[in-house]
Amino acid sequence: MQRVLSLRLGQAARLAAVLAALWSAPAVALDLFARHEVTVQFATSDGKPMAEAEVRVFAPGRPDQPVLTGRTDSAGKFEFSADTDGLWSAEARSASEIARVAVRVGGEQSSEPLSPVWVIGGLLLLVVLAVGYRVARRRARPQANRPGPPPRKP
């Protein structure tokens, strides 16, 4: 009993360490349905990068409502996923300056996004395979000797 308890405590400690590492790591956004990854770099009028500036991103056809907000990195760069083609705009504000940029996304060579039907179908296939594997392993396992009366002899 002591050995089982110590194994479970060790597993729980490892899980807690992994979760703490993931929790403290910077968040990374992954959009499976995005068509394009866009990187913009903001600089002041004298050419210095706008580090840690507040950024607002506007989608095509929606110039009054930001679809994404965030901050630039130490080099003044900001990345976002564009899910529609068109003219995207972004605005960075620091204490003393405002910088704006417009980026045309898409064109003739745009690739189609990953269809949600394919993603859901792939996940369902993986679930079916996992369940089938578990059933096959259970059937292949020999029956355990169970305590009880000995088998009858004819």
N, C-alpha and C. Protein backbone atom coordinates (compact mmCIF):
# COMPACT_ATOMS: atom_id res chain seq x y z
N MET A 1 0.83 -1.19 0.00
CA MET A 1 0.00 0.00 0.00
C MET A 1 0.87 1.25 0.00
N GLN A 2 1.96 1.22 0.77
CA GLN A 2 2.87 2.36 0.84
C GLN A 2 3.47 2.64 -0.52
N ARG A 3 3.86 1.60 -1.25
CA ARG A 3 4.50 1.76 -2.56
C ARG A 3 3.52 2.40 -3.55
N VAL A 4 2.27 1.94 -3.58
CA VAL A 4 1.26 2.49 -4.48
C VAL A 4 1.02 3.96 -4.17
N LEU A 5 0.92 4.28 -2.89
CA LEU A 5 0.68 5.66 -2.48
C LEU A 5 1.84 6.56 -2.90
N SER A 6 3.08 6.08 -2.73
CA SER A 6 4.23 6.90 -3.09
C SER A 6 4.31 7.07 -4.60
N LEU A 7 3.93 6.05 -5.38
CA LEU A 7 3.90 6.19 -6.83
C LEU A 7 2.88 7.25 -7.25
N ARG A 8 1.71 7.21 -6.64
CA ARG A 8 0.68 8.18 -6.99
C ARG A 8 1.09 9.59 -6.60
N LEU A 9 1.75 9.73 -5.45
CA LEU A 9 2.22 11.05 -5.05
C LEU A 9 3.30 11.55 -6.01
N GLY A 10 4.18 10.66 -6.44
CA GLY A 10 5.22 11.03 -7.40
C GLY A 10 4.63 11.45 -8.74
N GLN A 11 3.62 10.72 -9.20
CA GLN A 11 2.96 11.08 -10.45
C GLN A 11 2.24 12.42 -10.32
N ALA A 12 1.60 12.64 -9.19
CA ALA A 12 0.91 13.91 -8.96
C ALA A 12 1.91 15.07 -8.93
N ALA A 13 3.08 14.84 -8.33
CA ALA A 13 4.09 15.90 -8.28
C ALA A 13 4.61 16.22 -9.68
N ARG A 14 4.83 15.18 -10.49
CA ARG A 14 5.29 15.43 -11.86
C ARG A 14 4.23 16.16 -12.66
N LEU A 15 2.97 15.79 -12.52
CA LEU A 15 1.88 16.45 -13.22
C LEU A 15 1.79 17.92 -12.79
N ALA A 16 1.93 18.17 -11.50
CA ALA A 16 1.88 19.55 -11.01
C ALA A 16 3.04 20.37 -11.57
N ALA A 17 4.22 19.76 -11.69
CA ALA A 17 5.37 20.48 -12.26
C ALA A 17 5.14 20.81 -13.72
N VAL A 18 4.58 19.88 -14.48
CA VAL A 18 4.31 20.13 -15.90
C VAL A 18 3.26 21.22 -16.04
N LEU A 19 2.20 21.15 -15.25
CA LEU A 19 1.15 22.17 -15.32
C LEU A 19 1.69 23.55 -14.92
N ALA A 20 2.56 23.59 -13.92
CA ALA A 20 3.15 24.88 -13.51
C ALA A 20 4.02 25.44 -14.62
N ALA A 21 4.77 24.58 -15.30
CA ALA A 21 5.61 25.05 -16.41
C ALA A 21 4.75 25.57 -17.55
N LEU A 22 3.66 24.87 -17.85
CA LEU A 22 2.78 25.34 -18.92
C LEU A 22 2.07 26.63 -18.52
N TRP A 23 1.70 26.73 -17.26
CA TRP A 23 0.98 27.91 -16.80
C TRP A 23 1.88 29.15 -16.85
N SER A 24 3.16 28.98 -16.52
CA SER A 24 4.05 30.13 -16.47
C SER A 24 4.63 30.48 -17.84
N ALA A 25 4.52 29.57 -18.81
CA ALA A 25 5.03 29.85 -20.16
C ALA A 25 4.15 30.89 -20.82
N PRO A 26 4.72 31.72 -21.70
CA PRO A 26 3.90 32.70 -22.39
C PRO A 26 2.87 32.00 -23.28
N ALA A 27 1.71 32.59 -23.36
CA ALA A 27 0.63 31.99 -24.13
C ALA A 27 0.93 32.07 -25.62
N VAL A 28 0.66 30.99 -26.30
CA VAL A 28 0.85 30.94 -27.73
C VAL A 28 -0.49 30.60 -28.35
N ALA A 29 -0.94 31.44 -29.25
CA ALA A 29 -2.23 31.22 -29.88
C ALA A 29 -2.04 30.39 -31.14
N LEU A 30 -2.88 29.40 -31.32
CA LEU A 30 -2.85 28.57 -32.51
C LEU A 30 -4.26 28.53 -33.06
N ASP A 31 -4.43 29.04 -34.26
CA ASP A 31 -5.73 29.04 -34.89
C ASP A 31 -5.67 28.12 -36.09
N LEU A 32 -6.31 26.95 -36.01
CA LEU A 32 -6.25 25.97 -37.09
C LEU A 32 -6.95 26.45 -38.34
N PHE A 33 -7.87 27.41 -38.21
CA PHE A 33 -8.67 27.84 -39.33
C PHE A 33 -8.20 29.16 -39.93
N ALA A 34 -7.11 29.71 -39.43
CA ALA A 34 -6.58 30.96 -39.96
C ALA A 34 -5.91 30.71 -41.30
N ARG A 35 -6.06 31.67 -42.19
CA ARG A 35 -5.45 31.54 -43.51
C ARG A 35 -4.02 32.06 -43.52
N HIS A 36 -3.76 33.11 -42.75
CA HIS A 36 -2.46 33.77 -42.83
C HIS A 36 -1.98 34.20 -41.45
N GLU A 37 -0.69 34.13 -41.25
CA GLU A 37 -0.03 34.69 -40.07
C GLU A 37 0.60 36.00 -40.50
N VAL A 38 0.28 37.08 -39.82
CA VAL A 38 0.78 38.41 -40.19
C VAL A 38 1.68 38.92 -39.07
N THR A 39 2.84 39.43 -39.45
CA THR A 39 3.76 40.05 -38.50
C THR A 39 3.98 41.50 -38.92
N VAL A 40 3.75 42.41 -38.01
CA VAL A 40 4.01 43.83 -38.27
C VAL A 40 5.00 44.34 -37.24
N GLN A 41 5.78 45.34 -37.64
CA GLN A 41 6.75 45.93 -36.73
C GLN A 41 6.48 47.43 -36.67
N PHE A 42 6.36 47.93 -35.45
CA PHE A 42 6.08 49.36 -35.24
C PHE A 42 7.34 50.06 -34.76
N ALA A 43 7.52 51.29 -35.26
CA ALA A 43 8.68 52.10 -34.87
C ALA A 43 8.23 53.54 -34.69
N THR A 44 8.98 54.29 -33.90
CA THR A 44 8.69 55.71 -33.69
C THR A 44 9.15 56.50 -34.92
N SER A 45 8.88 57.78 -34.92
CA SER A 45 9.26 58.61 -36.07
C SER A 45 10.77 58.69 -36.27
N ASP A 46 11.54 58.47 -35.21
CA ASP A 46 13.00 58.49 -35.35
C ASP A 46 13.59 57.09 -35.58
N GLY A 47 12.73 56.06 -35.80
CA GLY A 47 13.19 54.74 -36.16
C GLY A 47 13.40 53.77 -35.01
N LYS A 48 13.15 54.17 -33.79
CA LYS A 48 13.32 53.26 -32.65
C LYS A 48 12.09 52.36 -32.53
N PRO A 49 12.29 51.09 -32.18
CA PRO A 49 11.14 50.19 -32.05
C PRO A 49 10.22 50.61 -30.91
N MET A 50 8.92 50.44 -31.13
CA MET A 50 7.93 50.76 -30.11
C MET A 50 7.73 49.53 -29.23
N ALA A 51 8.60 49.38 -28.24
CA ALA A 51 8.55 48.22 -27.35
C ALA A 51 7.40 48.35 -26.37
N GLU A 52 6.71 47.23 -26.14
CA GLU A 52 5.61 47.15 -25.16
C GLU A 52 4.51 48.19 -25.42
N ALA A 53 4.26 48.50 -26.69
CA ALA A 53 3.19 49.43 -27.05
C ALA A 53 1.87 48.67 -27.15
N GLU A 54 0.78 49.34 -26.81
CA GLU A 54 -0.55 48.74 -26.91
C GLU A 54 -0.97 48.70 -28.38
N VAL A 55 -1.44 47.53 -28.85
CA VAL A 55 -1.80 47.35 -30.25
C VAL A 55 -3.27 46.97 -30.36
N ARG A 56 -3.93 47.56 -31.35
CA ARG A 56 -5.31 47.19 -31.70
C ARG A 56 -5.31 46.82 -33.18
N VAL A 57 -5.95 45.70 -33.52
CA VAL A 57 -6.02 45.21 -34.90
C VAL A 57 -7.46 45.29 -35.36
N PHE A 58 -7.65 45.79 -36.60
CA PHE A 58 -8.97 45.97 -37.19
C PHE A 58 -9.10 45.11 -38.43
N ALA A 59 -10.20 44.37 -38.54
CA ALA A 59 -10.46 43.49 -39.69
C ALA A 59 -10.99 44.29 -40.86
N PRO A 60 -10.90 43.74 -42.06
CA PRO A 60 -11.46 44.42 -43.23
C PRO A 60 -12.96 44.64 -43.07
N GLY A 61 -13.42 45.84 -43.38
CA GLY A 61 -14.84 46.17 -43.28
C GLY A 61 -15.31 46.50 -41.88
N ARG A 62 -14.42 46.47 -40.89
CA ARG A 62 -14.80 46.79 -39.50
C ARG A 62 -13.76 47.72 -38.90
N PRO A 63 -13.64 48.95 -39.44
CA PRO A 63 -12.59 49.85 -38.97
C PRO A 63 -12.87 50.50 -37.62
N ASP A 64 -14.08 50.34 -37.09
CA ASP A 64 -14.42 50.99 -35.82
C ASP A 64 -14.35 50.06 -34.62
N GLN A 65 -14.23 48.75 -34.84
CA GLN A 65 -14.23 47.79 -33.74
C GLN A 65 -12.99 46.90 -33.83
N PRO A 66 -12.09 46.98 -32.83
CA PRO A 66 -10.89 46.12 -32.88
C PRO A 66 -11.27 44.65 -32.67
N VAL A 67 -10.67 43.78 -33.48
CA VAL A 67 -10.92 42.35 -33.34
C VAL A 67 -9.87 41.68 -32.47
N LEU A 68 -8.76 42.39 -32.22
CA LEU A 68 -7.67 41.82 -31.43
C LEU A 68 -6.90 42.95 -30.78
N THR A 69 -6.49 42.75 -29.54
CA THR A 69 -5.64 43.71 -28.85
C THR A 69 -4.46 42.96 -28.25
N GLY A 70 -3.40 43.70 -27.99
CA GLY A 70 -2.23 43.08 -27.39
C GLY A 70 -1.12 44.09 -27.22
N ARG A 71 0.11 43.59 -27.06
CA ARG A 71 1.27 44.46 -26.89
C ARG A 71 2.39 43.98 -27.80
N THR A 72 3.21 44.91 -28.24
CA THR A 72 4.37 44.57 -29.05
C THR A 72 5.45 43.96 -28.17
N ASP A 73 6.39 43.26 -28.79
CA ASP A 73 7.51 42.72 -28.03
C ASP A 73 8.61 43.78 -27.91
N SER A 74 9.77 43.41 -27.42
CA SER A 74 10.85 44.38 -27.20
C SER A 74 11.39 44.95 -28.51
N ALA A 75 11.16 44.27 -29.63
CA ALA A 75 11.62 44.77 -30.94
C ALA A 75 10.52 45.52 -31.67
N GLY A 76 9.37 45.72 -31.04
CA GLY A 76 8.27 46.44 -31.66
C GLY A 76 7.44 45.58 -32.59
N LYS A 77 7.60 44.26 -32.54
CA LYS A 77 6.86 43.36 -33.44
C LYS A 77 5.59 42.85 -32.78
N PHE A 78 4.59 42.62 -33.63
CA PHE A 78 3.30 42.08 -33.18
C PHE A 78 2.82 41.10 -34.25
N GLU A 79 2.36 39.91 -33.83
CA GLU A 79 1.88 38.88 -34.75
C GLU A 79 0.41 38.62 -34.48
N PHE A 80 -0.33 38.36 -35.58
CA PHE A 80 -1.73 37.99 -35.45
C PHE A 80 -2.14 37.10 -36.61
N SER A 81 -3.24 36.37 -36.42
CA SER A 81 -3.77 35.48 -37.46
C SER A 81 -4.89 36.19 -38.18
N ALA A 82 -4.82 36.18 -39.50
CA ALA A 82 -5.87 36.80 -40.33
C ALA A 82 -6.69 35.69 -40.95
N ASP A 83 -7.98 35.66 -40.64
CA ASP A 83 -8.84 34.60 -41.15
C ASP A 83 -9.61 34.98 -42.40
N THR A 84 -9.58 36.25 -42.79
CA THR A 84 -10.25 36.68 -44.02
C THR A 84 -9.28 37.50 -44.86
N ASP A 85 -9.50 37.49 -46.15
CA ASP A 85 -8.69 38.29 -47.05
C ASP A 85 -9.18 39.73 -47.03
N GLY A 86 -8.27 40.65 -47.31
CA GLY A 86 -8.64 42.06 -47.37
C GLY A 86 -7.58 42.94 -46.74
N LEU A 87 -7.95 44.19 -46.52
CA LEU A 87 -7.03 45.18 -45.97
C LEU A 87 -7.20 45.25 -44.45
N TRP A 88 -6.24 44.69 -43.73
CA TRP A 88 -6.23 44.71 -42.27
C TRP A 88 -5.43 45.93 -41.83
N SER A 89 -5.83 46.52 -40.72
CA SER A 89 -5.08 47.66 -40.18
C SER A 89 -4.77 47.42 -38.71
N ALA A 90 -3.66 47.97 -38.29
CA ALA A 90 -3.24 47.84 -36.89
C ALA A 90 -2.72 49.19 -36.42
N GLU A 91 -2.91 49.43 -35.14
CA GLU A 91 -2.53 50.71 -34.55
C GLU A 91 -1.81 50.43 -33.24
N ALA A 92 -0.62 51.02 -33.09
CA ALA A 92 0.16 50.86 -31.85
C ALA A 92 0.26 52.22 -31.16
N ARG A 93 0.04 52.21 -29.85
CA ARG A 93 0.11 53.45 -29.07
C ARG A 93 1.12 53.28 -27.94
N SER A 94 2.05 54.20 -27.90
CA SER A 94 2.98 54.26 -26.77
C SER A 94 2.64 55.53 -25.99
N ALA A 95 3.47 55.88 -25.04
CA ALA A 95 3.19 57.05 -24.21
C ALA A 95 3.15 58.34 -25.03
N SER A 96 3.98 58.43 -26.05
CA SER A 96 4.07 59.70 -26.77
C SER A 96 3.74 59.61 -28.26
N GLU A 97 3.60 58.41 -28.82
CA GLU A 97 3.38 58.31 -30.26
C GLU A 97 2.34 57.26 -30.61
N ILE A 98 1.78 57.43 -31.81
CA ILE A 98 0.84 56.47 -32.37
C ILE A 98 1.37 56.09 -33.75
N ALA A 99 1.40 54.80 -34.03
CA ALA A 99 1.84 54.32 -35.35
C ALA A 99 0.73 53.45 -35.92
N ARG A 100 0.49 53.60 -37.23
CA ARG A 100 -0.54 52.82 -37.90
C ARG A 100 0.06 52.11 -39.10
N VAL A 101 -0.48 50.94 -39.38
CA VAL A 101 -0.03 50.18 -40.54
C VAL A 101 -1.24 49.49 -41.16
N ALA A 102 -1.22 49.37 -42.49
CA ALA A 102 -2.26 48.64 -43.22
C ALA A 102 -1.58 47.51 -43.98
N VAL A 103 -2.17 46.33 -43.91
CA VAL A 103 -1.60 45.14 -44.54
C VAL A 103 -2.66 44.48 -45.40
N ARG A 104 -2.33 44.27 -46.68
CA ARG A 104 -3.25 43.53 -47.54
C ARG A 104 -2.96 42.05 -47.37
N VAL A 105 -4.00 41.32 -46.98
CA VAL A 105 -3.88 39.88 -46.74
C VAL A 105 -4.64 39.15 -47.83
N GLY A 106 -4.02 38.10 -48.34
CA GLY A 106 -4.68 37.27 -49.35
C GLY A 106 -4.24 37.65 -50.74
N GLY A 107 -4.98 37.20 -51.69
CA GLY A 107 -4.66 37.44 -53.08
C GLY A 107 -4.94 36.19 -53.88
N GLU A 108 -4.27 36.06 -54.99
CA GLU A 108 -4.52 34.93 -55.87
C GLU A 108 -3.92 33.64 -55.34
N GLN A 109 -2.87 33.68 -54.54
CA GLN A 109 -2.21 32.48 -54.09
C GLN A 109 -2.57 32.10 -52.65
N SER A 110 -3.74 32.49 -52.19
CA SER A 110 -4.10 32.14 -50.81
C SER A 110 -4.49 30.67 -50.73
N SER A 111 -4.07 30.04 -49.67
CA SER A 111 -4.41 28.63 -49.47
C SER A 111 -5.71 28.54 -48.69
N GLU A 112 -6.46 27.49 -48.94
CA GLU A 112 -7.72 27.30 -48.25
C GLU A 112 -7.46 26.90 -46.80
N PRO A 113 -8.30 27.37 -45.87
CA PRO A 113 -8.12 27.00 -44.48
C PRO A 113 -8.50 25.54 -44.26
N LEU A 114 -8.08 25.01 -43.16
CA LEU A 114 -8.42 23.65 -42.78
C LEU A 114 -9.89 23.61 -42.41
N SER A 115 -10.64 22.77 -43.08
CA SER A 115 -12.08 22.71 -42.86
C SER A 115 -12.39 22.13 -41.48
N PRO A 116 -13.35 22.70 -40.76
CA PRO A 116 -13.74 22.15 -39.46
C PRO A 116 -14.26 20.71 -39.59
N VAL A 117 -14.84 20.37 -40.73
CA VAL A 117 -15.35 19.01 -40.94
C VAL A 117 -14.19 18.02 -40.90
N TRP A 118 -13.05 18.37 -41.52
CA TRP A 118 -11.89 17.48 -41.50
C TRP A 118 -11.31 17.35 -40.10
N VAL A 119 -11.28 18.44 -39.35
CA VAL A 119 -10.74 18.39 -37.99
C VAL A 119 -11.61 17.50 -37.10
N ILE A 120 -12.91 17.71 -37.14
CA ILE A 120 -13.82 16.91 -36.30
C ILE A 120 -13.81 15.45 -36.74
N GLY A 121 -13.79 15.21 -38.05
CA GLY A 121 -13.73 13.84 -38.56
C GLY A 121 -12.45 13.14 -38.13
N GLY A 122 -11.32 13.84 -38.18
CA GLY A 122 -10.05 13.26 -37.74
C GLY A 122 -10.06 12.93 -36.27
N LEU A 123 -10.62 13.82 -35.46
CA LEU A 123 -10.70 13.55 -34.02
C LEU A 123 -11.60 12.36 -33.72
N LEU A 124 -12.72 12.26 -34.42
CA LEU A 124 -13.62 11.12 -34.22
C LEU A 124 -12.93 9.81 -34.63
N LEU A 125 -12.17 9.84 -35.71
CA LEU A 125 -11.44 8.66 -36.14
C LEU A 125 -10.43 8.22 -35.07
N LEU A 126 -9.74 9.18 -34.48
CA LEU A 126 -8.79 8.85 -33.41
C LEU A 126 -9.49 8.23 -32.20
N VAL A 127 -10.66 8.74 -31.85
CA VAL A 127 -11.41 8.19 -30.71
C VAL A 127 -11.83 6.76 -31.01
N VAL A 128 -12.34 6.51 -32.23
CA VAL A 128 -12.76 5.16 -32.61
C VAL A 128 -11.57 4.21 -32.57
N LEU A 129 -10.43 4.63 -33.09
CA LEU A 129 -9.24 3.78 -33.06
C LEU A 129 -8.80 3.48 -31.63
N ALA A 130 -8.84 4.47 -30.75
CA ALA A 130 -8.43 4.27 -29.36
C ALA A 130 -9.37 3.29 -28.66
N VAL A 131 -10.66 3.42 -28.86
CA VAL A 131 -11.62 2.52 -28.24
C VAL A 131 -11.45 1.10 -28.79
N GLY A 132 -11.27 0.98 -30.10
CA GLY A 132 -11.05 -0.33 -30.71
C GLY A 132 -9.79 -1.00 -30.18
N TYR A 133 -8.74 -0.25 -29.99
CA TYR A 133 -7.49 -0.78 -29.44
C TYR A 133 -7.71 -1.30 -28.02
N ARG A 134 -8.42 -0.53 -27.20
CA ARG A 134 -8.68 -0.96 -25.82
C ARG A 134 -9.50 -2.24 -25.78
N VAL A 135 -10.51 -2.35 -26.66
CA VAL A 135 -11.35 -3.55 -26.70
C VAL A 135 -10.54 -4.75 -27.15
N ALA A 136 -9.69 -4.57 -28.16
CA ALA A 136 -8.87 -5.68 -28.66
C ALA A 136 -7.89 -6.15 -27.59
N ARG A 137 -7.30 -5.24 -26.84
CA ARG A 137 -6.36 -5.63 -25.78
C ARG A 137 -7.08 -6.38 -24.66
N ARG A 138 -8.27 -5.95 -24.34
CA ARG A 138 -9.02 -6.61 -23.27
C ARG A 138 -9.40 -8.03 -23.67
N ARG A 139 -9.78 -8.22 -24.94
CA ARG A 139 -10.16 -9.56 -25.40
C ARG A 139 -8.95 -10.48 -25.48
N ALA A 140 -7.78 -9.93 -25.80
CA ALA A 140 -6.58 -10.75 -25.94
C ALA A 140 -5.97 -11.13 -24.59
N ARG A 141 -6.31 -10.42 -23.54
CA ARG A 141 -5.77 -10.69 -22.22
C ARG A 141 -6.38 -11.97 -21.66
N PRO A 142 -5.57 -12.88 -21.11
CA PRO A 142 -6.13 -14.11 -20.54
C PRO A 142 -6.95 -13.78 -19.28
N GLN A 143 -7.90 -14.64 -19.01
CA GLN A 143 -8.73 -14.45 -17.82
C GLN A 143 -7.88 -14.67 -16.57
N ALA A 144 -8.03 -13.82 -15.63
CA ALA A 144 -7.27 -13.93 -14.37
C ALA A 144 -7.82 -15.08 -13.55
N ASN A 145 -6.94 -15.74 -12.82
CA ASN A 145 -7.40 -16.80 -11.90
C ASN A 145 -8.16 -16.15 -10.77
N ARG A 146 -9.38 -16.52 -10.67
CA ARG A 146 -10.23 -15.94 -9.64
C ARG A 146 -10.36 -16.93 -8.47
N PRO A 147 -10.35 -16.41 -7.27
CA PRO A 147 -10.51 -17.32 -6.12
C PRO A 147 -11.92 -17.88 -6.09
N GLY A 148 -12.03 -19.07 -5.65
CA GLY A 148 -13.35 -19.73 -5.57
C GLY A 148 -13.18 -21.22 -5.53
N PRO A 149 -14.26 -21.93 -5.68
CA PRO A 149 -14.18 -23.40 -5.63
C PRO A 149 -13.42 -23.93 -6.85
N PRO A 150 -12.72 -25.03 -6.69
CA PRO A 150 -12.00 -25.61 -7.83
C PRO A 150 -12.99 -26.11 -8.87
N PRO A 151 -12.54 -26.19 -10.11
CA PRO A 151 -13.46 -26.67 -11.15
C PRO A 151 -13.85 -28.12 -10.90
N ARG A 152 -15.05 -28.48 -11.30
CA ARG A 152 -15.57 -29.84 -11.10
C ARG A 152 -14.96 -30.79 -12.11
N LYS A 153 -14.70 -32.01 -11.65
CA LYS A 153 -14.18 -33.04 -12.55
C LYS A 153 -15.33 -33.97 -12.87
N PRO A 154 -15.49 -34.35 -14.12
CA PRO A 154 -16.61 -35.25 -14.49
C PRO A 154 -16.41 -36.68 -14.10
